């Protein structure tokens, strides 16, 4: 592909999921070659997810009594107020349109679960998976040949003791990993695995609370999908985990269970 930098409008269209598959793949390839820009785009995706989650409760609020009573007015009364109703309808359509544009990519990522319900680290994991899995020359920052250094380095940066699960029995070997930025600058870790056919799986690790803070409520296995890739995530103690791959759901669940057992 061309090494020319995509313009800002194209990058934002990629974040919002508005590009064609071909253009999206080209932008993802460029981002894989420019980690700083990839981190910035991941931050924008997380910000969009946060805004979507912030306003999502409004959609579940009951209709105000004042509006319900307006609907019960007689036709004679209502005809005098049709301009107001029209204006309200236009404003509602605009608001829904803005909300749709903001949450389109997150909704596509989880057709079985509202985007606003997904933890932020899940959106980050999906974005990091999409950016780095296609990379051929630099898929990881530190290779598996330096596994001891990799685990020690990521543990120090995240502030928790990490493990690199062994998935050889499931047909996947560790390629290595990398350090990634998360929400408000917190460090995240991504480990990448590959099987003999070149299929890649990523494990994304996020620390959700600092020492001394209450641990986040545990979350059992949850599943999400963006159509191309599947993702299982869970929360255990202070950490959130997300395992992503373009694999059948059943096979990815077996991998997730193997990872969970080893982390326990």
Foldseek 3Di string as FASTA:
>chain_A
DDLDQDDPVLLVCLLLVNDDPVSNLVNLANCLVPVVVLQVSLQLNLVLLQVLLVCVVVVVDDDDPVVVVLVVDDPVVVVVCVVVVVVVVVVVVVVVVVSCSSCVQQCLFFVPDRSNPDDSVQSSVVSLCSNQLVDDPPSADDFCVPVVCQQVVLCVQQVHRDDDFQCVVLQKGWGGKYWGAGHPGRIKIKTWIAGPVGWIKIKIKHFQDDPPDFADDWAPWDWTGNPQKIKTWIGDGRMIMIMMTRDPPVSSVVVVVSVVVVVD
